[in-house]
Amino acid sequence: MTDWAIVTGASRGIGQAVAARFRQEGWGVVTLSRTPCPVPGVVDVNVDLGTPGWEGAVGAVLRDTLGRRAGGRVCVVHNAALYAHDDALSLDAAHLRRVLEVNLVAPAVLNRLAREYLTEGSSILYVGSTLSEKAVRGAASYVTSKHALVGLMRATCQDLAGTRIHTACVCPGFTDTELLASHLGGRQEALAMARNKTTFGRLITPEEIADIVSFCARTPTVNGAVLHANLGQVET
């Protein structure tokens, strides 16, 4: 029996590191992202989770892969996210809908598509953020969607009661990814400030977050938990 991971946003950053980690551990991996995932050996599905209609292509791939290898564990990792500069008092409706489509609606839809393949020991893992439980200025749609993602995880926990399928939300702090660099405008002074926001004085690596995701996938006692992984974020 083959264990399978389904990882969204796996073309770079945390998602790529998670896909690589599962492959190193011998899992089959299906990746969903707009651009190809460079990890060797994955089943790469190029879809835009912000555009409705991707379900058909993904559902067909899941039937062709997981459906033919019944019995192994399946771990769904909801990692894809949009992170924009915006303000809670001037949000554009179309912009907010797109962010929610990727950050919240897509995970809910993918859960439905994957549900029939989730055997005992399987898991649904959400990648949140320190902004899942706090807020900063200028990131209203991201903060809102990441708060909601924790709610979706907790609902997942309750609705899977008795199935021996578990869930958790991993909340990284400042992680050394293209997403963070892009959000900070690539400015070295901003990156230095981010490093100084941890008690270790450095950014988290995507591989460190992948370690935690892997741990969660094989540890049902974390069911329903929000796990903060931020190197001890400095509060001001």
C-alpha atoms as a PDB file:
ATOM      1  CA  MET A   1       0.000   0.000   0.000  1.00  0.00           C
ATOM      2  CA  THR A   2       1.232   3.480  -0.874  1.00  0.00           C
ATOM      3  CA  ASP A   3       0.698   6.464   1.369  1.00  0.00           C
ATOM      4  CA  TRP A   4      -0.192   9.628  -0.540  1.00  0.00           C
ATOM      5  CA  ALA A   5       0.112  13.326   0.211  1.00  0.00           C
ATOM      6  CA  ILE A   6      -1.857  16.014  -1.622  1.00  0.00           C
ATOM      7  CA  VAL A   7      -0.065  19.356  -1.308  1.00  0.00           C
ATOM      8  CA  THR A   8      -1.329  22.694  -2.597  1.00  0.00           C
ATOM      9  CA  GLY A   9       0.962  25.574  -3.490  1.00  0.00           C
ATOM     10  CA  ALA A  10       3.893  23.185  -3.915  1.00  0.00           C
ATOM     11  CA  SER A  11       5.809  25.005  -6.646  1.00  0.00           C
ATOM     12  CA  ARG A  12       7.962  26.884  -4.115  1.00  0.00           C
ATOM     13  CA  GLY A  13       8.507  27.724  -0.465  1.00  0.00           C
ATOM     14  CA  ILE A  14       6.828  25.712   2.266  1.00  0.00           C
ATOM     15  CA  GLY A  15       4.714  23.682  -0.166  1.00  0.00           C
ATOM     16  CA  GLN A  16       7.755  22.585  -2.147  1.00  0.00           C
ATOM     17  CA  ALA A  17       9.588  21.636   1.051  1.00  0.00           C
ATOM     18  CA  VAL A  18       6.566  19.640   2.249  1.00  0.00           C
ATOM     19  CA  ALA A  19       6.309  17.794  -1.070  1.00  0.00           C
ATOM     20  CA  ALA A  20      10.030  16.986  -0.950  1.00  0.00           C
ATOM     21  CA  ARG A  21       9.768  15.744   2.628  1.00  0.00           C
ATOM     22  CA  PHE A  22       6.927  13.350   1.854  1.00  0.00           C
ATOM     23  CA  ARG A  23       8.783  12.044  -1.204  1.00  0.00           C
ATOM     24  CA  GLN A  24      11.888  11.442   0.930  1.00  0.00           C
ATOM     25  CA  GLU A  25       9.723   9.429   3.306  1.00  0.00           C
ATOM     26  CA  GLY A  26       8.450   7.251   0.466  1.00  0.00           C
ATOM     27  CA  TRP A  27       5.004   8.749   0.005  1.00  0.00           C
ATOM     28  CA  GLY A  28       3.402   9.331  -3.353  1.00  0.00           C
ATOM     29  CA  VAL A  29       2.716  13.040  -3.780  1.00  0.00           C
ATOM     30  CA  VAL A  30       0.104  14.919  -5.810  1.00  0.00           C
ATOM     31  CA  THR A  31       0.832  18.640  -6.058  1.00  0.00           C
ATOM     32  CA  LEU A  32      -1.634  21.372  -7.005  1.00  0.00           C
ATOM     33  CA  SER A  33      -0.231  24.746  -8.048  1.00  0.00           C
ATOM     34  CA  ARG A  34      -0.262  27.285 -10.862  1.00  0.00           C
ATOM     35  CA  THR A  35       3.321  26.499 -11.890  1.00  0.00           C
ATOM     36  CA  PRO A  36       5.150  23.145 -11.916  1.00  0.00           C
ATOM     37  CA  CYS A  37       6.543  21.665  -8.721  1.00  0.00           C
ATOM     38  CA  PRO A  38      10.278  20.948  -9.190  1.00  0.00           C
ATOM     39  CA  VAL A  39      10.350  17.990  -6.788  1.00  0.00           C
ATOM     40  CA  PRO A  40      11.173  14.800  -8.744  1.00  0.00           C
ATOM     41  CA  GLY A  41       8.568  12.064  -8.812  1.00  0.00           C
ATOM     42  CA  VAL A  42       5.446  14.046  -7.917  1.00  0.00           C
ATOM     43  CA  VAL A  43       2.178  13.920  -9.825  1.00  0.00           C
ATOM     44  CA  ASP A  44       2.024  17.579 -10.817  1.00  0.00           C
ATOM     45  CA  VAL A  45      -1.373  19.167 -11.464  1.00  0.00           C
ATOM     46  CA  ASN A  46      -1.199  22.752 -12.700  1.00  0.00           C
ATOM     47  CA  VAL A  47      -4.399  24.523 -11.623  1.00  0.00           C
ATOM     48  CA  ASP A  48      -5.346  27.968 -10.373  1.00  0.00           C
ATOM     49  CA  LEU A  49      -7.219  27.442  -7.111  1.00  0.00           C
ATOM     50  CA  GLY A  50      -8.515  30.993  -7.355  1.00  0.00           C
ATOM     51  CA  THR A  51     -10.501  30.206 -10.490  1.00  0.00           C
ATOM     52  CA  PRO A  52     -13.640  28.077 -10.017  1.00  0.00           C
ATOM     53  CA  GLY A  53     -13.759  24.959 -12.162  1.00  0.00           C
ATOM     54  CA  TRP A  54     -10.490  23.318 -11.160  1.00  0.00           C
ATOM     55  CA  GLU A  55     -12.321  20.548  -9.316  1.00  0.00           C
ATOM     56  CA  GLY A  56     -12.900  18.386 -12.407  1.00  0.00           C
ATOM     57  CA  ALA A  57      -9.221  18.096 -13.325  1.00  0.00           C
ATOM     58  CA  VAL A  58      -8.160  17.455  -9.743  1.00  0.00           C
ATOM     59  CA  GLY A  59     -10.911  14.914  -9.138  1.00  0.00           C
ATOM     60  CA  ALA A  60      -9.831  12.956 -12.224  1.00  0.00           C
ATOM     61  CA  VAL A  61      -6.199  12.871 -11.067  1.00  0.00           C
ATOM     62  CA  LEU A  62      -7.198  11.694  -7.597  1.00  0.00           C
ATOM     63  CA  ARG A  63      -9.250   8.871  -9.106  1.00  0.00           C
ATOM     64  CA  ASP A  64      -6.340   7.835 -11.322  1.00  0.00           C
ATOM     65  CA  THR A  65      -3.785   7.866  -8.499  1.00  0.00           C
ATOM     66  CA  LEU A  66      -5.310   7.376  -5.073  1.00  0.00           C
ATOM     67  CA  GLY A  67      -8.309   5.479  -6.378  1.00  0.00           C
ATOM     68  CA  ARG A  68      -6.123   2.674  -7.734  1.00  0.00           C
ATOM     69  CA  ARG A  69      -4.079   2.305  -4.553  1.00  0.00           C
ATOM     70  CA  ALA A  70      -6.716   2.004  -1.867  1.00  0.00           C
ATOM     71  CA  GLY A  71      -5.737   1.301   1.706  1.00  0.00           C
ATOM     72  CA  GLY A  72      -2.794   3.614   2.393  1.00  0.00           C
ATOM     73  CA  ARG A  73      -2.886   6.804   4.409  1.00  0.00           C
ATOM     74  CA  VAL A  74      -3.645  10.088   2.688  1.00  0.00           C
ATOM     75  CA  CYS A  75      -2.461  13.449   4.014  1.00  0.00           C
ATOM     76  CA  VAL A  76      -4.025  16.589   2.549  1.00  0.00           C
ATOM     77  CA  VAL A  77      -1.858  19.673   3.112  1.00  0.00           C
ATOM     78  CA  HIS A  78      -3.584  23.004   2.487  1.00  0.00           C
ATOM     79  CA  ASN A  79      -0.642  25.324   1.899  1.00  0.00           C
ATOM     80  CA  ALA A  80      -1.564  27.567  -1.061  1.00  0.00           C
ATOM     81  CA  ALA A  81      -2.304  31.151  -0.096  1.00  0.00           C
ATOM     82  CA  LEU A  82      -2.523  34.687  -1.416  1.00  0.00           C
ATOM     83  CA  TYR A  83      -0.908  37.380   0.738  1.00  0.00           C
ATOM     84  CA  ALA A  84      -1.723  40.927  -0.353  1.00  0.00           C
ATOM     85  CA  HIS A  85      -1.293  44.446   0.933  1.00  0.00           C
ATOM     86  CA  ASP A  86      -4.780  45.715   1.741  1.00  0.00           C
ATOM     87  CA  ASP A  87      -6.806  47.570   4.330  1.00  0.00           C
ATOM     88  CA  ALA A  88      -9.881  46.389   6.218  1.00  0.00           C
ATOM     89  CA  LEU A  89     -11.714  49.659   5.570  1.00  0.00           C
ATOM     90  CA  SER A  90     -11.133  49.799   1.825  1.00  0.00           C
ATOM     91  CA  LEU A  91     -11.276  46.181   0.649  1.00  0.00           C
ATOM     92  CA  ASP A  92     -12.401  45.669  -2.929  1.00  0.00           C
ATOM     93  CA  ALA A  93     -15.037  42.937  -3.139  1.00  0.00           C
ATOM     94  CA  ALA A  94     -13.496  41.160  -6.138  1.00  0.00           C
ATOM     95  CA  HIS A  95     -10.073  41.167  -4.500  1.00  0.00           C
ATOM     96  CA  LEU A  96     -11.431  39.800  -1.220  1.00  0.00           C
ATOM     97  CA  ARG A  97     -13.366  37.082  -3.028  1.00  0.00           C
ATOM     98  CA  ARG A  98     -10.216  35.930  -4.857  1.00  0.00           C
ATOM     99  CA  VAL A  99      -8.180  35.782  -1.640  1.00  0.00           C
ATOM    100  CA  LEU A 100     -10.920  33.830   0.121  1.00  0.00           C
ATOM    101  CA  GLU A 101     -11.286  31.560  -2.913  1.00  0.00           C
ATOM    102  CA  VAL A 102      -7.644  30.466  -2.650  1.00  0.00           C
ATOM    103  CA  ASN A 103      -7.106  30.652   1.100  1.00  0.00           C
ATOM    104  CA  LEU A 104     -10.409  29.228   2.341  1.00  0.00           C
ATOM    105  CA  VAL A 105     -12.829  27.990  -0.309  1.00  0.00           C
ATOM    106  CA  ALA A 106     -10.262  25.836  -2.132  1.00  0.00           C
ATOM    107  CA  PRO A 107      -9.340  23.912   1.043  1.00  0.00           C
ATOM    108  CA  ALA A 108     -13.005  23.198   1.728  1.00  0.00           C
ATOM    109  CA  VAL A 109     -13.570  22.000  -1.839  1.00  0.00           C
ATOM    110  CA  LEU A 110     -10.424  19.855  -1.834  1.00  0.00           C
ATOM    111  CA  ASN A 111     -11.530  18.246   1.431  1.00  0.00           C
ATOM    112  CA  ARG A 112     -14.733  17.162  -0.297  1.00  0.00           C
ATOM    113  CA  LEU A 113     -12.834  15.753  -3.280  1.00  0.00           C
ATOM    114  CA  ALA A 114     -10.366  13.871  -1.081  1.00  0.00           C
ATOM    115  CA  ARG A 115     -12.801  12.593   1.531  1.00  0.00           C
ATOM    116  CA  GLU A 116     -13.518   9.235  -0.104  1.00  0.00           C
ATOM    117  CA  TYR A 117      -9.796   8.388  -0.104  1.00  0.00           C
ATOM    118  CA  LEU A 118      -9.162   9.216   3.558  1.00  0.00           C
ATOM    119  CA  THR A 119      -8.644   5.922   5.351  1.00  0.00           C
ATOM    120  CA  GLU A 120      -7.972   5.419   9.054  1.00  0.00           C
ATOM    121  CA  GLY A 121      -4.705   7.152   9.932  1.00  0.00           C
ATOM    122  CA  SER A 122      -5.137   9.797   7.239  1.00  0.00           C
ATOM    123  CA  SER A 123      -4.998  13.506   8.002  1.00  0.00           C
ATOM    124  CA  ILE A 124      -6.030  16.953   6.803  1.00  0.00           C
ATOM    125  CA  LEU A 125      -3.440  19.584   7.671  1.00  0.00           C
ATOM    126  CA  TYR A 126      -3.801  23.328   7.271  1.00  0.00           C
ATOM    127  CA  VAL A 127      -0.912  25.777   6.974  1.00  0.00           C
ATOM    128  CA  GLY A 128      -2.005  28.879   8.819  1.00  0.00           C
ATOM    129  CA  SER A 129       0.133  31.726  10.118  1.00  0.00           C
ATOM    130  CA  THR A 130       0.887  33.663  13.276  1.00  0.00           C
ATOM    131  CA  LEU A 131      -1.778  35.904  11.704  1.00  0.00           C
ATOM    132  CA  SER A 132      -4.309  33.126  12.260  1.00  0.00           C
ATOM    133  CA  GLU A 133      -4.641  34.385  15.822  1.00  0.00           C
ATOM    134  CA  LYS A 134      -3.449  38.005  15.699  1.00  0.00           C
ATOM    135  CA  ALA A 135      -3.444  40.877  13.234  1.00  0.00           C
ATOM    136  CA  VAL A 136      -1.115  43.475  11.761  1.00  0.00           C
ATOM    137  CA  ARG A 137      -1.839  46.545   9.682  1.00  0.00           C
ATOM    138  CA  GLY A 138      -2.067  46.272   5.919  1.00  0.00           C
ATOM    139  CA  ALA A 139      -2.945  42.578   5.539  1.00  0.00           C
ATOM    140  CA  ALA A 140      -6.685  42.470   6.142  1.00  0.00           C
ATOM    141  CA  SER A 141      -7.681  39.798   3.630  1.00  0.00           C
ATOM    142  CA  TYR A 142      -4.826  37.500   4.659  1.00  0.00           C
ATOM    143  CA  VAL A 143      -5.519  37.957   8.376  1.00  0.00           C
ATOM    144  CA  THR A 144      -9.230  37.340   7.840  1.00  0.00           C
ATOM    145  CA  SER A 145      -8.723  34.220   5.750  1.00  0.00           C
ATOM    146  CA  LYS A 146      -6.108  32.739   8.101  1.00  0.00           C
ATOM    147  CA  HIS A 147      -8.390  33.280  11.100  1.00  0.00           C
ATOM    148  CA  ALA A 148     -11.144  31.515   9.167  1.00  0.00           C
ATOM    149  CA  LEU A 149      -8.789  28.650   8.292  1.00  0.00           C
ATOM    150  CA  VAL A 150      -8.424  27.847  11.988  1.00  0.00           C
ATOM    151  CA  GLY A 151     -12.204  27.726  12.209  1.00  0.00           C
ATOM    152  CA  LEU A 152     -12.334  25.351   9.241  1.00  0.00           C
ATOM    153  CA  MET A 153      -9.733  23.108  10.892  1.00  0.00           C
ATOM    154  CA  ARG A 154     -11.713  23.001  14.126  1.00  0.00           C
ATOM    155  CA  ALA A 155     -14.900  22.196  12.216  1.00  0.00           C
ATOM    156  CA  THR A 156     -12.983  19.473  10.364  1.00  0.00           C
ATOM    157  CA  CYS A 157     -11.941  17.960  13.690  1.00  0.00           C
ATOM    158  CA  GLN A 158     -15.507  17.787  14.943  1.00  0.00           C
ATOM    159  CA  ASP A 159     -16.994  16.512  11.694  1.00  0.00           C
ATOM    160  CA  LEU A 160     -14.405  13.694  11.484  1.00  0.00           C
ATOM    161  CA  ALA A 161     -15.136  12.493  15.021  1.00  0.00           C
ATOM    162  CA  GLY A 162     -15.028   8.700  15.203  1.00  0.00           C
ATOM    163  CA  THR A 163     -13.251   8.243  11.862  1.00  0.00           C
ATOM    164  CA  ARG A 164      -9.668   8.124  13.249  1.00  0.00           C
ATOM    165  CA  ILE A 165      -8.732  10.754  10.695  1.00  0.00           C
ATOM    166  CA  HIS A 166      -7.018  13.716  12.309  1.00  0.00           C
ATOM    167  CA  THR A 167      -6.429  17.370  11.555  1.00  0.00           C
ATOM    168  CA  ALA A 168      -4.290  20.272  12.762  1.00  0.00           C
ATOM    169  CA  CYS A 169      -3.273  23.783  11.764  1.00  0.00           C
ATOM    170  CA  VAL A 170       0.448  24.598  11.619  1.00  0.00           C
ATOM    171  CA  CYS A 171       1.062  28.332  11.989  1.00  0.00           C
ATOM    172  CA  PRO A 172       4.510  29.425  10.778  1.00  0.00           C
ATOM    173  CA  GLY A 173       6.082  32.720  11.707  1.00  0.00           C
ATOM    174  CA  PHE A 174       8.486  34.629   9.436  1.00  0.00           C
ATOM    175  CA  THR A 175       9.649  31.973   6.983  1.00  0.00           C
ATOM    176  CA  ASP A 176      12.333  32.414   4.330  1.00  0.00           C
ATOM    177  CA  THR A 177      10.110  32.136   1.264  1.00  0.00           C
ATOM    178  CA  GLU A 178       9.464  34.063  -1.932  1.00  0.00           C
ATOM    179  CA  LEU A 179       6.022  34.900  -0.547  1.00  0.00           C
ATOM    180  CA  LEU A 180       7.523  36.726   2.427  1.00  0.00           C
ATOM    181  CA  ALA A 181      10.157  38.460   0.299  1.00  0.00           C
ATOM    182  CA  SER A 182       7.498  39.585  -2.165  1.00  0.00           C
ATOM    183  CA  HIS A 183       5.226  40.861   0.601  1.00  0.00           C
ATOM    184  CA  LEU A 184       8.122  42.861   2.041  1.00  0.00           C
ATOM    185  CA  GLY A 185       8.997  44.234  -1.387  1.00  0.00           C
ATOM    186  CA  GLY A 186      12.381  42.495  -1.373  1.00  0.00           C
ATOM    187  CA  ARG A 187      13.748  45.239   0.884  1.00  0.00           C
ATOM    188  CA  GLN A 188      16.733  44.084   2.912  1.00  0.00           C
ATOM    189  CA  GLU A 189      15.866  46.346   5.831  1.00  0.00           C
ATOM    190  CA  ALA A 190      12.395  44.792   6.001  1.00  0.00           C
ATOM    191  CA  LEU A 191      13.861  41.282   5.920  1.00  0.00           C
ATOM    192  CA  ALA A 192      16.293  42.255   8.688  1.00  0.00           C
ATOM    193  CA  MET A 193      13.361  43.520  10.751  1.00  0.00           C
ATOM    194  CA  ALA A 194      11.559  40.202  10.193  1.00  0.00           C
ATOM    195  CA  ARG A 195      14.623  38.280  11.375  1.00  0.00           C
ATOM    196  CA  ASN A 196      14.768  40.431  14.488  1.00  0.00           C
ATOM    197  CA  LYS A 197      11.123  39.624  15.191  1.00  0.00           C
ATOM    198  CA  THR A 198      12.145  36.129  16.374  1.00  0.00           C
ATOM    199  CA  THR A 199      13.983  35.370  19.590  1.00  0.00           C
ATOM    200  CA  PHE A 200      16.526  33.418  17.500  1.00  0.00           C
ATOM    201  CA  GLY A 201      17.279  36.392  15.264  1.00  0.00           C
ATOM    202  CA  ARG A 202      16.747  34.488  12.026  1.00  0.00           C
ATOM    203  CA  LEU A 203      14.050  33.414   9.610  1.00  0.00           C
ATOM    204  CA  ILE A 204      12.488  29.963   9.731  1.00  0.00           C
ATOM    205  CA  THR A 205      13.395  27.658   6.837  1.00  0.00           C
ATOM    206  CA  PRO A 206      10.670  25.983   4.770  1.00  0.00           C
ATOM    207  CA  GLU A 207      12.261  22.637   5.656  1.00  0.00           C
ATOM    208  CA  GLU A 208      11.644  23.299   9.353  1.00  0.00           C
ATOM    209  CA  ILE A 209       7.950  23.778   8.673  1.00  0.00           C
ATOM    210  CA  ALA A 210       7.967  20.618   6.534  1.00  0.00           C
ATOM    211  CA  ASP A 211       9.360  18.747   9.558  1.00  0.00           C
ATOM    212  CA  ILE A 212       6.374  19.859  11.626  1.00  0.00           C
ATOM    213  CA  VAL A 213       3.880  18.966   8.895  1.00  0.00           C
ATOM    214  CA  SER A 214       5.427  15.512   8.643  1.00  0.00           C
ATOM    215  CA  PHE A 215       5.202  15.130  12.417  1.00  0.00           C
ATOM    216  CA  CYS A 216       1.537  16.112  12.362  1.00  0.00           C
ATOM    217  CA  ALA A 217       0.775  13.650   9.563  1.00  0.00           C
ATOM    218  CA  ARG A 218       1.892  10.723  11.691  1.00  0.00           C
ATOM    219  CA  THR A 219       0.691  12.001  15.096  1.00  0.00           C
ATOM    220  CA  PRO A 220      -3.061  11.772  15.719  1.00  0.00           C
ATOM    221  CA  THR A 221      -2.746  13.222  19.223  1.00  0.00           C
ATOM    222  CA  VAL A 222      -2.461  16.692  17.635  1.00  0.00           C
ATOM    223  CA  ASN A 223      -6.054  16.360  16.397  1.00  0.00           C
ATOM    224  CA  GLY A 224      -7.731  19.769  16.519  1.00  0.00           C
ATOM    225  CA  ALA A 225      -4.552  21.571  17.571  1.00  0.00           C
ATOM    226  CA  VAL A 226      -3.158  24.906  16.448  1.00  0.00           C
ATOM    227  CA  LEU A 227       0.647  24.565  16.451  1.00  0.00           C
ATOM    228  CA  HIS A 228       2.628  27.792  16.392  1.00  0.00           C
ATOM    229  CA  ALA A 229       6.046  27.452  14.740  1.00  0.00           C
ATOM    230  CA  ASN A 230       7.620  30.885  14.922  1.00  0.00           C
ATOM    231  CA  LEU A 231      10.975  30.583  16.754  1.00  0.00           C
ATOM    232  CA  GLY A 232       9.491  32.539  19.629  1.00  0.00           C
ATOM    233  CA  GLN A 233       8.118  35.608  17.920  1.00  0.00           C
ATOM    234  CA  VAL A 234       9.028  38.859  19.658  1.00  0.00           C
ATOM    235  CA  GLU A 235       5.954  40.807  20.723  1.00  0.00           C
ATOM    236  CA  THR A 236       6.043  44.609  20.745  1.00  0.00           C
END
